[in-house]
Structure formats: C-alpha cells, structure tokens
C-alpha cells in the first residue's frame, strides 16, 4: 500500500490506512526533528530487557495473567522497535472511525499487544488488591 492509501474493511467504522508515525502513541513528538526515534528505540530496548529479566526471575506458580501481560508489552515494544530500526518510523494501519465524524488515531498490531498487555497487568493488580496479604 502507498502512504495514506485507504482500504475499507467494515464501512463505516474500520479501514486499513498506511500511515507513518515517527513519534509515540497518538503521534506524540512526531514532528520533533528526528531525535525521538533514538529515544523511543532505546526506551523499547530497555523496557523489553527489563521485562525479560523480570519474567526470567518470576516464580513459576504466579498467575498466568502477569507473564502474559508482560510478554505482550515486551513483544509490542520490540515490534515497534523493529519498525523504527528498519524504516525510521512505525507503520500504523488500523484506522477506526465512525463515518467521517469521529476518528481514532491509527495504530498497529504491536500497539494492540502493548494495550492488551497493560490491561492484563492492571486487571491482575485489581484482582490482587482484593485479597489481603498474610
């Protein structure tokens, strides 16, 4: 697909649109001049390395939701890092909207993995807070 090319999937709410994001979530710092590429790349690598160490040291009896959430966050961060290394930007393509009146910022599968992983971790924290510690 060419940049900005649109392919309707479920009109009026979902399409595939090729967009390039040099920034972070919701194109934060997209127009910052280039230094942000290295910042977000370093952040992704450091966070993924820390999560890998955390997973390695984690007890085997921990609930499945924590390691799953951490793996999704690390995988999403590394997926976006690979895009940044290869292209210099992240390719976003999932575009959710309602007719032409409301548009959610475009995202990709790696962004979805990070979001679902974070939701798993928040859900586990909520569940954990319901049980008193001994």
C-alpha atoms as a PDB file:
ATOM      1  CA  UNK A   1       0.000   0.000   0.000  1.00  0.00           C
ATOM      2  CA  UNK A   2       1.081   3.548  -0.640  1.00  0.00           C
ATOM      3  CA  UNK A   3       1.243   6.131   2.139  1.00  0.00           C
ATOM      4  CA  UNK A   4      -2.289   7.381   3.014  1.00  0.00           C
ATOM      5  CA  UNK A   5      -3.930   4.755   0.798  1.00  0.00           C
ATOM      6  CA  UNK A   6      -7.224   3.576   2.313  1.00  0.00           C
ATOM      7  CA  UNK A   7      -8.874   0.169   2.100  1.00  0.00           C
ATOM      8  CA  UNK A   8     -12.385  -0.013   3.648  1.00  0.00           C
ATOM      9  CA  UNK A   9     -12.911  -3.173   5.708  1.00  0.00           C
ATOM     10  CA  UNK A  10     -16.129  -2.530   7.666  1.00  0.00           C
ATOM     11  CA  UNK A  11     -17.669   0.706   6.465  1.00  0.00           C
ATOM     12  CA  UNK A  12     -18.469   2.999   8.238  1.00  0.00           C
ATOM     13  CA  UNK A  13     -16.075   2.141  11.070  1.00  0.00           C
ATOM     14  CA  UNK A  14     -12.909   0.283  10.081  1.00  0.00           C
ATOM     15  CA  UNK A  15     -10.335   0.645   7.350  1.00  0.00           C
ATOM     16  CA  UNK A  16      -6.728  -0.176   6.649  1.00  0.00           C
ATOM     17  CA  UNK A  17      -4.747   3.030   6.026  1.00  0.00           C
ATOM     18  CA  UNK A  18      -0.975   3.153   5.708  1.00  0.00           C
ATOM     19  CA  UNK A  19       0.443   5.881   7.941  1.00  0.00           C
ATOM     20  CA  UNK A  20       3.950   6.560   9.225  1.00  0.00           C
ATOM     21  CA  UNK A  21       4.422   7.523  12.864  1.00  0.00           C
ATOM     22  CA  UNK A  22       7.810   8.936  13.847  1.00  0.00           C
ATOM     23  CA  UNK A  23       6.578   9.707  17.346  1.00  0.00           C
ATOM     24  CA  UNK A  24       4.975   7.731  20.138  1.00  0.00           C
ATOM     25  CA  UNK A  25       1.343   6.976  20.931  1.00  0.00           C
ATOM     26  CA  UNK A  26      -1.111   9.240  19.095  1.00  0.00           C
ATOM     27  CA  UNK A  27       1.872  10.653  17.122  1.00  0.00           C
ATOM     28  CA  UNK A  28       3.248  12.375  20.235  1.00  0.00           C
ATOM     29  CA  UNK A  29       6.529  14.093  19.221  1.00  0.00           C
ATOM     30  CA  UNK A  30       6.008  13.085  15.582  1.00  0.00           C
ATOM     31  CA  UNK A  31       7.360  16.429  14.359  1.00  0.00           C
ATOM     32  CA  UNK A  32      10.228  16.685  16.865  1.00  0.00           C
ATOM     33  CA  UNK A  33      13.044  16.608  14.329  1.00  0.00           C
ATOM     34  CA  UNK A  34      14.352  13.030  14.450  1.00  0.00           C
ATOM     35  CA  UNK A  35      15.917  12.671  17.904  1.00  0.00           C
ATOM     36  CA  UNK A  36      12.728  10.980  19.179  1.00  0.00           C
ATOM     37  CA  UNK A  37      13.449   7.910  17.015  1.00  0.00           C
ATOM     38  CA  UNK A  38      16.505   7.126  19.133  1.00  0.00           C
ATOM     39  CA  UNK A  39      14.734   7.919  22.397  1.00  0.00           C
ATOM     40  CA  UNK A  40      11.806   5.585  21.654  1.00  0.00           C
ATOM     41  CA  UNK A  41      14.138   2.905  20.294  1.00  0.00           C
ATOM     42  CA  UNK A  42      16.281   2.995  23.439  1.00  0.00           C
ATOM     43  CA  UNK A  43      13.192   3.023  25.647  1.00  0.00           C
ATOM     44  CA  UNK A  44      11.751  -0.032  23.865  1.00  0.00           C
ATOM     45  CA  UNK A  45      15.006  -1.958  24.206  1.00  0.00           C
ATOM     46  CA  UNK A  46      15.497  -1.073  27.892  1.00  0.00           C
ATOM     47  CA  UNK A  47      11.880  -1.860  28.806  1.00  0.00           C
ATOM     48  CA  UNK A  48      11.965  -5.151  26.893  1.00  0.00           C
ATOM     49  CA  UNK A  49      15.239  -6.163  28.543  1.00  0.00           C
ATOM     50  CA  UNK A  50      13.872  -5.321  31.996  1.00  0.00           C
ATOM     51  CA  UNK A  51      10.701  -7.313  31.300  1.00  0.00           C
ATOM     52  CA  UNK A  52      12.778 -10.275  30.080  1.00  0.00           C
ATOM     53  CA  UNK A  53      14.785 -10.267  33.337  1.00  0.00           C
ATOM     54  CA  UNK A  54      11.544  -9.921  35.330  1.00  0.00           C
ATOM     55  CA  UNK A  55       9.988 -12.885  33.501  1.00  0.00           C
ATOM     56  CA  UNK A  56      13.133 -14.981  33.982  1.00  0.00           C
ATOM     57  CA  UNK A  57      13.117 -14.355  37.746  1.00  0.00           C
ATOM     58  CA  UNK A  58       9.366 -14.809  38.134  1.00  0.00           C
ATOM     59  CA  UNK A  59       8.123 -17.705  40.201  1.00  0.00           C
ATOM     60  CA  UNK A  60       6.563 -20.488  38.161  1.00  0.00           C
ATOM     61  CA  UNK A  61       3.443 -20.503  40.325  1.00  0.00           C
ATOM     62  CA  UNK A  62       2.429 -16.918  39.522  1.00  0.00           C
ATOM     63  CA  UNK A  63      -0.927 -16.437  37.801  1.00  0.00           C
ATOM     64  CA  UNK A  64      -0.777 -16.665  34.013  1.00  0.00           C
ATOM     65  CA  UNK A  65      -2.063 -13.148  33.528  1.00  0.00           C
ATOM     66  CA  UNK A  66       1.104 -11.354  34.728  1.00  0.00           C
ATOM     67  CA  UNK A  67       3.608 -13.155  32.489  1.00  0.00           C
ATOM     68  CA  UNK A  68       1.167 -12.933  29.572  1.00  0.00           C
ATOM     69  CA  UNK A  69       0.759  -9.196  30.075  1.00  0.00           C
ATOM     70  CA  UNK A  70       4.497  -8.657  30.364  1.00  0.00           C
ATOM     71  CA  UNK A  71       5.185 -10.743  27.251  1.00  0.00           C
ATOM     72  CA  UNK A  72       2.603  -8.767  25.256  1.00  0.00           C
ATOM     73  CA  UNK A  73       4.108  -5.440  26.350  1.00  0.00           C
ATOM     74  CA  UNK A  74       7.655  -6.589  25.541  1.00  0.00           C
ATOM     75  CA  UNK A  75       6.614  -8.092  22.210  1.00  0.00           C
ATOM     76  CA  UNK A  76       4.764  -4.933  21.197  1.00  0.00           C
ATOM     77  CA  UNK A  77       7.661  -2.712  22.203  1.00  0.00           C
ATOM     78  CA  UNK A  78      10.111  -4.857  20.228  1.00  0.00           C
ATOM     79  CA  UNK A  79       7.767  -4.931  17.225  1.00  0.00           C
ATOM     80  CA  UNK A  80       7.665  -1.146  17.121  1.00  0.00           C
ATOM     81  CA  UNK A  81      11.441  -1.028  17.706  1.00  0.00           C
ATOM     82  CA  UNK A  82      11.993  -3.260  14.670  1.00  0.00           C
ATOM     83  CA  UNK A  83       9.908  -0.851  12.575  1.00  0.00           C
ATOM     84  CA  UNK A  84      11.964   2.091  13.852  1.00  0.00           C
ATOM     85  CA  UNK A  85      15.246   0.336  13.032  1.00  0.00           C
ATOM     86  CA  UNK A  86      14.128  -0.832   9.599  1.00  0.00           C
ATOM     87  CA  UNK A  87      12.098   2.172   8.392  1.00  0.00           C
ATOM     88  CA  UNK A  88      12.903   5.016  10.791  1.00  0.00           C
ATOM     89  CA  UNK A  89       9.233   5.167  11.796  1.00  0.00           C
ATOM     90  CA  UNK A  90       6.410   2.873  12.912  1.00  0.00           C
ATOM     91  CA  UNK A  91       3.893   1.779  10.292  1.00  0.00           C
ATOM     92  CA  UNK A  92       0.359   2.260  11.630  1.00  0.00           C
ATOM     93  CA  UNK A  93      -2.508   0.875   9.597  1.00  0.00           C
ATOM     94  CA  UNK A  94      -5.598   0.033  11.670  1.00  0.00           C
ATOM     95  CA  UNK A  95      -7.931   3.006  11.459  1.00  0.00           C
ATOM     96  CA  UNK A  96     -11.153   3.020  13.474  1.00  0.00           C
ATOM     97  CA  UNK A  97     -13.716   5.739  12.833  1.00  0.00           C
ATOM     98  CA  UNK A  98     -17.407   6.493  12.685  1.00  0.00           C
ATOM     99  CA  UNK A  99     -18.351   7.743   9.229  1.00  0.00           C
ATOM    100  CA  UNK A 100     -16.440  10.990   8.759  1.00  0.00           C
ATOM    101  CA  UNK A 101     -17.455  12.461  12.117  1.00  0.00           C
ATOM    102  CA  UNK A 102     -15.090  10.686  14.553  1.00  0.00           C
ATOM    103  CA  UNK A 103     -11.606   9.215  14.001  1.00  0.00           C
ATOM    104  CA  UNK A 104      -9.429   7.312  16.445  1.00  0.00           C
ATOM    105  CA  UNK A 105      -5.684   7.639  15.798  1.00  0.00           C
ATOM    106  CA  UNK A 106      -4.313   4.835  13.630  1.00  0.00           C
ATOM    107  CA  UNK A 107      -2.436   2.022  15.362  1.00  0.00           C
ATOM    108  CA  UNK A 108      -0.833  -1.335  14.586  1.00  0.00           C
ATOM    109  CA  UNK A 109      -0.713  -4.871  15.988  1.00  0.00           C
ATOM    110  CA  UNK A 110       2.251  -4.038  18.254  1.00  0.00           C
ATOM    111  CA  UNK A 111       0.297  -1.134  19.775  1.00  0.00           C
ATOM    112  CA  UNK A 112      -2.619  -3.507  20.374  1.00  0.00           C
ATOM    113  CA  UNK A 113      -0.317  -6.002  22.107  1.00  0.00           C
ATOM    114  CA  UNK A 114       1.028  -3.284  24.409  1.00  0.00           C
ATOM    115  CA  UNK A 115      -2.506  -2.131  25.239  1.00  0.00           C
ATOM    116  CA  UNK A 116      -3.832  -5.634  25.932  1.00  0.00           C
ATOM    117  CA  UNK A 117      -0.715  -6.468  27.966  1.00  0.00           C
ATOM    118  CA  UNK A 118      -1.117  -3.331  30.073  1.00  0.00           C
ATOM    119  CA  UNK A 119      -4.807  -4.165  30.583  1.00  0.00           C
ATOM    120  CA  UNK A 120      -3.811  -7.655  31.801  1.00  0.00           C
ATOM    121  CA  UNK A 121      -1.397  -6.120  34.310  1.00  0.00           C
ATOM    122  CA  UNK A 122      -3.989  -3.621  35.553  1.00  0.00           C
ATOM    123  CA  UNK A 123      -6.604  -6.378  35.826  1.00  0.00           C
ATOM    124  CA  UNK A 124      -4.174  -8.520  37.839  1.00  0.00           C
ATOM    125  CA  UNK A 125      -3.392  -5.579  40.135  1.00  0.00           C
ATOM    126  CA  UNK A 126      -7.115  -5.067  40.746  1.00  0.00           C
ATOM    127  CA  UNK A 127      -7.593  -8.775  41.478  1.00  0.00           C
ATOM    128  CA  UNK A 128      -4.532  -8.814  43.734  1.00  0.00           C
ATOM    129  CA  UNK A 129      -5.779  -5.836  45.736  1.00  0.00           C
ATOM    130  CA  UNK A 130      -8.954  -7.733  46.653  1.00  0.00           C
ATOM    131  CA  UNK A 131      -7.045 -10.386  48.617  1.00  0.00           C
ATOM    132  CA  UNK A 132      -5.401  -9.457  51.935  1.00  0.00           C
ATOM    133  CA  UNK A 133      -1.675 -10.144  52.301  1.00  0.00           C
ATOM    134  CA  UNK A 134      -0.542 -12.505  55.063  1.00  0.00           C
END
